[in-house]
Amino acid sequence: MKHTLVFKTLPILVITLFVFFGFKNKVNTTSYKCMIQMTNYTGEGAYIAISLLNPDGTYEKTLYIQGDDDEWYSDITEWWKFHGKIRADIDAITGATISGGGRTISVIQIDDDKIDVGYKIRFESAVEDQEYYKDDVEFELTSESVKSKVDGNGFIRYVRIIPQ
């Protein structure tokens, strides 16, 4: 009697779990070309963290890192407080440092549901034996700002983002 009850309820349980967990809404993601133009400074190449901040201003995700030697990541102070705790694998989203006067283009992925709802993107920059800029570039993600040019406050002259 117990065995027949188990055989009757087990398929119902499996189907219920499949329906509950198997049909999650897929979030659409857009790729953006992100050009960073640096100021004409002297010294080592800059490390830059590109991060997604939620509407409360706290870190949600690392979008890209310019600088592939993790020995210097702790110089990007605020980002390191977030990344150093979670230790996410960022190898796939790193590139070389950017020297003074240089520019680079990278591709970042942003979920479409983060646009026009208060999320921000932050570019932090640090150069060895020089300054650190927590919000070298920071702006709210809006339908307009993801197609714009934003001036920097430190090592970054400006950032230009366009949908791919």
N, C-alpha and C. Protein backbone atom coordinates (compact mmCIF):
# COMPACT_ATOMS: atom_id res chain seq x y z
N MET A 1 0.82 -1.19 0.00
CA MET A 1 0.00 0.00 0.00
C MET A 1 0.87 1.27 0.00
N LYS A 2 1.94 1.28 0.81
CA LYS A 2 2.84 2.42 0.85
C LYS A 2 3.52 2.62 -0.49
N HIS A 3 3.89 1.52 -1.14
CA HIS A 3 4.59 1.62 -2.42
C HIS A 3 3.71 2.24 -3.48
N THR A 4 2.45 1.91 -3.55
CA THR A 4 1.56 2.49 -4.56
C THR A 4 1.33 3.97 -4.29
N LEU A 5 1.27 4.38 -3.05
CA LEU A 5 1.12 5.79 -2.72
C LEU A 5 2.35 6.57 -3.18
N VAL A 6 3.53 6.01 -2.94
CA VAL A 6 4.78 6.65 -3.36
C VAL A 6 4.80 6.77 -4.88
N PHE A 7 4.44 5.70 -5.60
CA PHE A 7 4.47 5.72 -7.06
C PHE A 7 3.43 6.68 -7.64
N LYS A 8 2.37 6.95 -6.92
CA LYS A 8 1.36 7.89 -7.39
C LYS A 8 1.76 9.34 -7.10
N THR A 9 2.37 9.60 -5.96
CA THR A 9 2.70 10.97 -5.59
C THR A 9 4.04 11.43 -6.15
N LEU A 10 4.98 10.53 -6.39
CA LEU A 10 6.29 10.92 -6.90
C LEU A 10 6.21 11.61 -8.27
N PRO A 11 5.46 11.07 -9.24
CA PRO A 11 5.37 11.79 -10.52
C PRO A 11 4.73 13.17 -10.39
N ILE A 12 3.75 13.29 -9.52
CA ILE A 12 3.11 14.59 -9.31
C ILE A 12 4.11 15.58 -8.72
N LEU A 13 4.92 15.13 -7.79
CA LEU A 13 5.94 15.97 -7.18
C LEU A 13 6.98 16.40 -8.22
N VAL A 14 7.42 15.47 -9.04
CA VAL A 14 8.42 15.78 -10.07
C VAL A 14 7.87 16.79 -11.07
N ILE A 15 6.65 16.60 -11.51
CA ILE A 15 6.02 17.54 -12.46
C ILE A 15 5.85 18.91 -11.82
N THR A 16 5.44 18.95 -10.58
CA THR A 16 5.28 20.22 -9.87
C THR A 16 6.60 20.96 -9.78
N LEU A 17 7.67 20.27 -9.41
CA LEU A 17 9.00 20.90 -9.32
C LEU A 17 9.46 21.38 -10.69
N PHE A 18 9.23 20.61 -11.74
CA PHE A 18 9.60 21.01 -13.08
C PHE A 18 8.88 22.29 -13.49
N VAL A 19 7.58 22.34 -13.25
CA VAL A 19 6.79 23.52 -13.61
C VAL A 19 7.25 24.73 -12.81
N PHE A 20 7.53 24.54 -11.54
CA PHE A 20 7.92 25.66 -10.67
C PHE A 20 9.30 26.20 -11.03
N PHE A 21 10.27 25.32 -11.25
CA PHE A 21 11.64 25.75 -11.49
C PHE A 21 12.03 25.76 -12.97
N GLY A 22 11.29 25.12 -13.82
CA GLY A 22 11.68 24.98 -15.21
C GLY A 22 11.29 26.12 -16.13
N PHE A 23 10.40 26.98 -15.71
CA PHE A 23 9.94 28.04 -16.58
C PHE A 23 10.27 29.41 -15.98
N LYS A 24 11.55 29.73 -15.93
CA LYS A 24 11.96 31.05 -15.45
C LYS A 24 11.95 32.03 -16.62
N ASN A 25 11.63 33.26 -16.32
CA ASN A 25 11.67 34.29 -17.35
C ASN A 25 13.11 34.53 -17.77
N LYS A 26 13.34 34.50 -19.07
CA LYS A 26 14.67 34.77 -19.58
C LYS A 26 14.85 36.27 -19.69
N VAL A 27 15.95 36.77 -19.14
CA VAL A 27 16.23 38.19 -19.18
C VAL A 27 17.03 38.47 -20.46
N ASN A 28 16.56 39.40 -21.25
CA ASN A 28 17.27 39.78 -22.47
C ASN A 28 18.46 40.64 -22.10
N THR A 29 19.57 40.40 -22.78
CA THR A 29 20.81 41.13 -22.55
C THR A 29 21.24 41.78 -23.85
N THR A 30 21.75 43.00 -23.75
CA THR A 30 22.26 43.71 -24.91
C THR A 30 23.76 43.89 -24.76
N SER A 31 24.48 43.71 -25.86
CA SER A 31 25.93 43.97 -25.89
C SER A 31 26.14 45.43 -26.27
N TYR A 32 27.08 46.06 -25.58
CA TYR A 32 27.42 47.46 -25.85
C TYR A 32 28.90 47.56 -26.11
N LYS A 33 29.26 48.32 -27.14
CA LYS A 33 30.66 48.67 -27.35
C LYS A 33 30.95 49.82 -26.40
N CYS A 34 32.04 49.69 -25.68
CA CYS A 34 32.41 50.68 -24.68
C CYS A 34 33.81 51.18 -24.99
N MET A 35 33.91 52.43 -25.41
CA MET A 35 35.22 53.02 -25.70
C MET A 35 35.64 53.90 -24.53
N ILE A 36 36.84 53.66 -24.04
CA ILE A 36 37.40 54.48 -22.96
C ILE A 36 38.58 55.25 -23.55
N GLN A 37 38.51 56.57 -23.48
CA GLN A 37 39.60 57.45 -23.92
C GLN A 37 40.25 58.03 -22.67
N MET A 38 41.55 57.82 -22.53
CA MET A 38 42.28 58.28 -21.34
C MET A 38 42.81 59.70 -21.53
N THR A 39 43.06 60.39 -20.41
CA THR A 39 43.73 61.68 -20.44
C THR A 39 45.22 61.44 -20.72
N ASN A 40 45.95 62.49 -21.03
CA ASN A 40 47.39 62.38 -21.29
C ASN A 40 48.14 62.49 -19.96
N TYR A 41 48.22 61.42 -19.24
CA TYR A 41 48.98 61.39 -17.99
C TYR A 41 50.26 60.58 -18.22
N THR A 42 51.22 60.72 -17.33
CA THR A 42 52.44 59.91 -17.41
C THR A 42 52.42 58.86 -16.32
N GLY A 43 53.09 57.78 -16.56
CA GLY A 43 53.14 56.72 -15.57
C GLY A 43 52.64 55.41 -16.14
N GLU A 44 52.40 54.47 -15.24
CA GLU A 44 51.96 53.13 -15.62
C GLU A 44 50.55 53.17 -16.21
N GLY A 45 50.17 52.05 -16.81
CA GLY A 45 48.81 51.91 -17.35
C GLY A 45 47.78 51.88 -16.24
N ALA A 46 46.60 52.37 -16.55
CA ALA A 46 45.52 52.45 -15.56
C ALA A 46 44.76 51.13 -15.48
N TYR A 47 44.39 50.77 -14.27
CA TYR A 47 43.46 49.68 -14.02
C TYR A 47 42.08 50.32 -13.89
N ILE A 48 41.10 49.75 -14.59
CA ILE A 48 39.76 50.31 -14.58
C ILE A 48 38.75 49.19 -14.32
N ALA A 49 37.88 49.40 -13.35
CA ALA A 49 36.79 48.46 -13.07
C ALA A 49 35.50 49.09 -13.56
N ILE A 50 34.76 48.35 -14.39
CA ILE A 50 33.45 48.79 -14.86
C ILE A 50 32.43 47.94 -14.12
N SER A 51 31.59 48.59 -13.33
CA SER A 51 30.66 47.87 -12.45
C SER A 51 29.23 48.33 -12.63
N LEU A 52 28.32 47.42 -12.37
CA LEU A 52 26.89 47.72 -12.35
C LEU A 52 26.49 47.93 -10.90
N LEU A 53 25.86 49.08 -10.62
CA LEU A 53 25.38 49.41 -9.28
C LEU A 53 23.86 49.37 -9.29
N ASN A 54 23.27 48.80 -8.25
CA ASN A 54 21.81 48.76 -8.17
C ASN A 54 21.27 50.13 -7.75
N PRO A 55 19.95 50.34 -7.75
CA PRO A 55 19.40 51.65 -7.41
C PRO A 55 19.78 52.15 -6.02
N ASP A 56 20.18 51.26 -5.11
CA ASP A 56 20.63 51.68 -3.78
C ASP A 56 22.08 52.13 -3.79
N GLY A 57 22.77 51.96 -4.92
CA GLY A 57 24.17 52.37 -5.03
C GLY A 57 25.17 51.31 -4.62
N THR A 58 24.72 50.08 -4.40
CA THR A 58 25.64 49.01 -4.03
C THR A 58 25.99 48.18 -5.27
N TYR A 59 27.17 47.59 -5.22
CA TYR A 59 27.66 46.80 -6.34
C TYR A 59 26.77 45.59 -6.57
N GLU A 60 26.48 45.33 -7.85
CA GLU A 60 25.72 44.15 -8.21
C GLU A 60 26.54 43.20 -9.07
N LYS A 61 27.36 43.78 -9.97
CA LYS A 61 28.06 42.92 -10.91
C LYS A 61 29.27 43.65 -11.49
N THR A 62 30.33 42.91 -11.74
CA THR A 62 31.48 43.44 -12.46
C THR A 62 31.24 43.19 -13.94
N LEU A 63 31.27 44.27 -14.73
CA LEU A 63 31.03 44.14 -16.17
C LEU A 63 32.32 43.93 -16.95
N TYR A 64 33.41 44.58 -16.53
CA TYR A 64 34.68 44.46 -17.24
C TYR A 64 35.80 45.03 -16.37
N ILE A 65 37.00 44.50 -16.56
CA ILE A 65 38.18 45.01 -15.86
C ILE A 65 39.28 45.28 -16.90
N GLN A 66 39.78 46.49 -16.93
CA GLN A 66 40.96 46.81 -17.74
C GLN A 66 42.15 46.61 -16.82
N GLY A 67 42.95 45.61 -17.09
CA GLY A 67 44.09 45.27 -16.25
C GLY A 67 44.00 43.80 -15.90
N ASP A 68 44.98 43.02 -16.34
CA ASP A 68 44.85 41.57 -16.18
C ASP A 68 45.80 40.97 -15.14
N ASP A 69 46.48 41.80 -14.37
CA ASP A 69 47.36 41.30 -13.31
C ASP A 69 46.64 41.49 -11.98
N ASP A 70 46.08 40.40 -11.45
CA ASP A 70 45.24 40.51 -10.26
C ASP A 70 45.99 40.98 -9.01
N GLU A 71 47.30 41.07 -9.08
CA GLU A 71 48.08 41.59 -7.95
C GLU A 71 47.70 43.04 -7.63
N TRP A 72 47.24 43.78 -8.64
CA TRP A 72 46.96 45.20 -8.46
C TRP A 72 45.48 45.51 -8.32
N TYR A 73 44.62 44.51 -8.34
CA TYR A 73 43.18 44.76 -8.24
C TYR A 73 42.79 45.47 -6.94
N SER A 74 43.51 45.21 -5.89
CA SER A 74 43.16 45.85 -4.61
C SER A 74 43.37 47.37 -4.64
N ASP A 75 44.09 47.88 -5.64
CA ASP A 75 44.25 49.34 -5.78
C ASP A 75 42.95 50.01 -6.24
N ILE A 76 42.04 49.23 -6.79
CA ILE A 76 40.71 49.75 -7.15
C ILE A 76 39.84 49.54 -5.91
N THR A 77 40.04 50.37 -4.94
CA THR A 77 39.63 50.18 -3.56
C THR A 77 38.17 49.79 -3.35
N GLU A 78 37.24 50.60 -3.80
CA GLU A 78 35.82 50.33 -3.54
C GLU A 78 35.36 49.06 -4.24
N TRP A 79 35.77 48.88 -5.49
CA TRP A 79 35.41 47.67 -6.23
C TRP A 79 35.98 46.45 -5.53
N TRP A 80 37.20 46.56 -5.02
CA TRP A 80 37.85 45.42 -4.36
C TRP A 80 37.09 44.99 -3.11
N LYS A 81 36.50 45.95 -2.41
CA LYS A 81 35.70 45.61 -1.23
C LYS A 81 34.56 44.67 -1.62
N PHE A 82 33.99 44.90 -2.81
CA PHE A 82 32.92 44.04 -3.33
C PHE A 82 33.50 42.75 -3.91
N HIS A 83 34.41 42.88 -4.84
CA HIS A 83 34.95 41.70 -5.55
C HIS A 83 35.77 40.81 -4.63
N GLY A 84 36.54 41.41 -3.76
CA GLY A 84 37.39 40.63 -2.87
C GLY A 84 36.61 39.71 -1.96
N LYS A 85 35.37 40.06 -1.66
CA LYS A 85 34.53 39.22 -0.81
C LYS A 85 33.93 38.06 -1.58
N ILE A 86 33.46 38.31 -2.82
CA ILE A 86 32.78 37.25 -3.55
C ILE A 86 33.71 36.43 -4.42
N ARG A 87 34.84 36.97 -4.80
CA ARG A 87 35.85 36.27 -5.60
C ARG A 87 35.28 35.59 -6.84
N ALA A 88 34.49 36.33 -7.58
CA ALA A 88 33.95 35.78 -8.82
C ALA A 88 35.07 35.63 -9.83
N ASP A 89 34.94 34.67 -10.72
CA ASP A 89 35.92 34.45 -11.77
C ASP A 89 35.73 35.54 -12.83
N ILE A 90 36.74 36.39 -13.01
CA ILE A 90 36.61 37.49 -13.96
C ILE A 90 37.55 37.35 -15.14
N ASP A 91 38.18 36.20 -15.30
CA ASP A 91 39.13 36.02 -16.40
C ASP A 91 38.52 36.34 -17.76
N ALA A 92 37.28 36.02 -17.97
CA ALA A 92 36.66 36.22 -19.28
C ALA A 92 36.32 37.68 -19.56
N ILE A 93 36.40 38.54 -18.55
CA ILE A 93 36.03 39.94 -18.74
C ILE A 93 37.17 40.88 -18.37
N THR A 94 38.40 40.50 -18.74
CA THR A 94 39.54 41.36 -18.45
C THR A 94 40.29 41.69 -19.73
N GLY A 95 40.98 42.81 -19.71
CA GLY A 95 41.82 43.24 -20.81
C GLY A 95 43.03 43.96 -20.25
N ALA A 96 43.91 44.40 -21.12
CA ALA A 96 45.15 45.06 -20.71
C ALA A 96 44.86 46.43 -20.10
N THR A 97 45.82 46.92 -19.32
CA THR A 97 45.71 48.28 -18.78
C THR A 97 45.75 49.27 -19.95
N ILE A 98 45.36 50.52 -19.66
CA ILE A 98 45.33 51.56 -20.70
C ILE A 98 46.30 52.67 -20.27
N SER A 99 47.24 53.00 -21.13
CA SER A 99 48.22 54.04 -20.83
C SER A 99 47.66 55.43 -21.08
N GLY A 100 48.35 56.42 -20.55
CA GLY A 100 47.94 57.81 -20.73
C GLY A 100 47.81 58.16 -22.20
N GLY A 101 46.70 58.81 -22.58
CA GLY A 101 46.44 59.20 -23.95
C GLY A 101 45.88 58.08 -24.81
N GLY A 102 45.87 56.86 -24.30
CA GLY A 102 45.40 55.71 -25.07
C GLY A 102 43.89 55.57 -25.03
N ARG A 103 43.43 54.64 -25.84
CA ARG A 103 42.00 54.31 -25.85
C ARG A 103 41.86 52.82 -26.08
N THR A 104 40.74 52.32 -25.63
CA THR A 104 40.44 50.91 -25.82
C THR A 104 38.95 50.75 -26.05
N ILE A 105 38.61 49.69 -26.75
CA ILE A 105 37.20 49.36 -26.97
C ILE A 105 36.99 47.95 -26.46
N SER A 106 35.99 47.80 -25.61
CA SER A 106 35.62 46.49 -25.09
C SER A 106 34.11 46.31 -25.28
N VAL A 107 33.66 45.11 -25.07
CA VAL A 107 32.23 44.82 -25.17
C VAL A 107 31.73 44.43 -23.79
N ILE A 108 30.69 45.10 -23.34
CA ILE A 108 30.08 44.77 -22.05
C ILE A 108 28.65 44.32 -22.29
N GLN A 109 28.15 43.49 -21.39
CA GLN A 109 26.79 42.97 -21.47
C GLN A 109 25.96 43.58 -20.34
N ILE A 110 24.81 44.14 -20.69
CA ILE A 110 23.91 44.71 -19.68
C ILE A 110 22.52 44.14 -19.89
N ASP A 111 21.93 43.62 -18.83
CA ASP A 111 20.56 43.10 -18.90
C ASP A 111 19.61 44.25 -19.21
N ASP A 112 18.70 44.03 -20.14
CA ASP A 112 17.76 45.07 -20.56
C ASP A 112 16.87 45.56 -19.43
N ASP A 113 16.61 44.70 -18.44
CA ASP A 113 15.74 45.12 -17.34
C ASP A 113 16.45 46.04 -16.34
N LYS A 114 17.71 46.38 -16.59
CA LYS A 114 18.45 47.31 -15.73
C LYS A 114 18.39 48.75 -16.26
N ILE A 115 17.84 48.93 -17.46
CA ILE A 115 17.79 50.25 -18.09
C ILE A 115 16.53 50.98 -17.64
N ASP A 116 16.67 52.26 -17.33
CA ASP A 116 15.55 53.15 -16.96
C ASP A 116 14.87 52.76 -15.66
N VAL A 117 15.59 52.10 -14.75
CA VAL A 117 14.99 51.74 -13.45
C VAL A 117 15.90 52.11 -12.28
N GLY A 118 16.88 53.01 -12.52
CA GLY A 118 17.71 53.50 -11.42
C GLY A 118 19.07 52.85 -11.28
N TYR A 119 19.41 51.87 -12.11
CA TYR A 119 20.75 51.26 -12.05
C TYR A 119 21.76 52.23 -12.61
N LYS A 120 23.01 52.09 -12.16
CA LYS A 120 24.11 52.95 -12.63
C LYS A 120 25.27 52.09 -13.09
N ILE A 121 26.12 52.70 -13.88
CA ILE A 121 27.37 52.07 -14.28
C ILE A 121 28.49 52.97 -13.75
N ARG A 122 29.51 52.33 -13.17
CA ARG A 122 30.62 53.08 -12.58
C ARG A 122 31.94 52.60 -13.18
N PHE A 123 32.80 53.55 -13.51
CA PHE A 123 34.15 53.30 -13.98
C PHE A 123 35.10 53.82 -12.91
N GLU A 124 35.79 52.92 -12.22
CA GLU A 124 36.79 53.31 -11.23
C GLU A 124 38.15 53.16 -11.87
N SER A 125 39.07 54.07 -11.56
CA SER A 125 40.40 53.99 -12.16
C SER A 125 41.48 54.17 -11.10
N ALA A 126 42.59 53.48 -11.33
CA ALA A 126 43.75 53.58 -10.44
C ALA A 126 45.01 53.37 -11.26
N VAL A 127 46.03 54.15 -10.91
CA VAL A 127 47.35 54.02 -11.55
C VAL A 127 48.37 53.86 -10.44
N GLU A 128 49.29 52.90 -10.65
CA GLU A 128 50.32 52.60 -9.65
C GLU A 128 51.08 53.87 -9.25
N ASP A 129 51.23 54.07 -7.95
CA ASP A 129 51.94 55.21 -7.36
C ASP A 129 51.32 56.56 -7.72
N GLN A 130 50.04 56.54 -8.10
CA GLN A 130 49.33 57.79 -8.38
C GLN A 130 47.97 57.72 -7.70
N GLU A 131 46.99 58.36 -8.26
CA GLU A 131 45.68 58.50 -7.64
C GLU A 131 44.76 57.31 -7.91
N TYR A 132 43.68 57.30 -7.17
CA TYR A 132 42.56 56.37 -7.36
C TYR A 132 41.30 57.22 -7.44
N TYR A 133 40.46 56.95 -8.45
CA TYR A 133 39.21 57.68 -8.62
C TYR A 133 38.04 56.70 -8.53
N LYS A 134 37.32 56.81 -7.43
CA LYS A 134 36.18 55.91 -7.19
C LYS A 134 35.12 56.07 -8.27
N ASP A 135 34.81 57.28 -8.63
CA ASP A 135 33.78 57.52 -9.64
C ASP A 135 34.36 58.39 -10.75
N ASP A 136 35.39 57.83 -11.40
CA ASP A 136 36.00 58.54 -12.53
C ASP A 136 34.91 58.86 -13.55
N VAL A 137 34.06 57.88 -13.83
CA VAL A 137 32.85 58.09 -14.63
C VAL A 137 31.75 57.29 -13.95
N GLU A 138 30.61 57.93 -13.74
CA GLU A 138 29.46 57.23 -13.18
C GLU A 138 28.20 57.89 -13.73
N PHE A 139 27.27 57.07 -14.21
CA PHE A 139 26.03 57.62 -14.73
C PHE A 139 24.92 56.59 -14.63
N GLU A 140 23.68 57.11 -14.62
CA GLU A 140 22.51 56.24 -14.56
C GLU A 140 22.29 55.60 -15.93
N LEU A 141 21.90 54.33 -15.90
CA LEU A 141 21.62 53.61 -17.14
C LEU A 141 20.21 53.96 -17.61
N THR A 142 20.15 54.77 -18.65
CA THR A 142 18.87 55.14 -19.24
C THR A 142 18.93 54.83 -20.73
N SER A 143 17.80 54.88 -21.37
CA SER A 143 17.75 54.64 -22.82
C SER A 143 18.64 55.62 -23.57
N GLU A 144 18.79 56.81 -23.05
CA GLU A 144 19.64 57.82 -23.69
C GLU A 144 21.12 57.65 -23.33
N SER A 145 21.40 57.37 -22.07
CA SER A 145 22.81 57.32 -21.65
C SER A 145 23.58 56.15 -22.23
N VAL A 146 22.88 55.07 -22.63
CA VAL A 146 23.59 53.93 -23.22
C VAL A 146 23.91 54.16 -24.69
N LYS A 147 23.68 55.38 -25.15
CA LYS A 147 24.05 55.76 -26.52
C LYS A 147 24.80 57.09 -26.48
N SER A 148 25.55 57.32 -25.42
CA SER A 148 26.10 58.66 -25.24
C SER A 148 27.58 58.64 -24.90
N LYS A 149 28.11 59.84 -24.75
CA LYS A 149 29.49 60.08 -24.33
C LYS A 149 29.43 60.77 -22.97
N VAL A 150 30.22 60.28 -22.00
CA VAL A 150 30.22 60.85 -20.66
C VAL A 150 31.67 61.19 -20.29
N ASP A 151 31.89 62.41 -19.83
CA ASP A 151 33.23 62.86 -19.45
C ASP A 151 33.66 62.26 -18.13
N GLY A 152 34.98 62.04 -18.01
CA GLY A 152 35.56 61.50 -16.79
C GLY A 152 36.02 62.59 -15.85
N ASN A 153 36.38 62.18 -14.63
CA ASN A 153 36.83 63.11 -13.59
C ASN A 153 38.28 62.89 -13.18
N GLY A 154 38.93 61.87 -13.73
CA GLY A 154 40.28 61.54 -13.30
C GLY A 154 41.15 61.15 -14.48
N PHE A 155 41.58 59.89 -14.53
CA PHE A 155 42.42 59.40 -15.62
C PHE A 155 41.64 59.22 -16.92
N ILE A 156 40.34 59.05 -16.81
CA ILE A 156 39.51 58.85 -18.00
C ILE A 156 39.07 60.20 -18.54
N ARG A 157 39.36 60.45 -19.81
CA ARG A 157 38.89 61.70 -20.46
C ARG A 157 37.39 61.58 -20.72
N TYR A 158 36.98 60.47 -21.36
CA TYR A 158 35.56 60.22 -21.57
C TYR A 158 35.31 58.76 -21.89
N VAL A 159 34.06 58.38 -21.77
CA VAL A 159 33.59 57.03 -22.10
C VAL A 159 32.45 57.20 -23.10
N ARG A 160 32.46 56.40 -24.13
CA ARG A 160 31.37 56.40 -25.11
C ARG A 160 30.81 54.99 -25.19
N ILE A 161 29.49 54.87 -25.05
CA ILE A 161 28.83 53.56 -25.09
C ILE A 161 27.79 53.58 -26.21
N ILE A 162 27.80 52.50 -27.02
CA ILE A 162 26.79 52.37 -28.06
C ILE A 162 26.34 50.92 -28.14
N PRO A 163 25.04 50.70 -28.36
CA PRO A 163 24.56 49.32 -28.50
C PRO A 163 25.19 48.66 -29.72
N GLN A 164 25.48 47.39 -29.62
CA GLN A 164 26.09 46.68 -30.73
C GLN A 164 25.07 46.19 -31.70
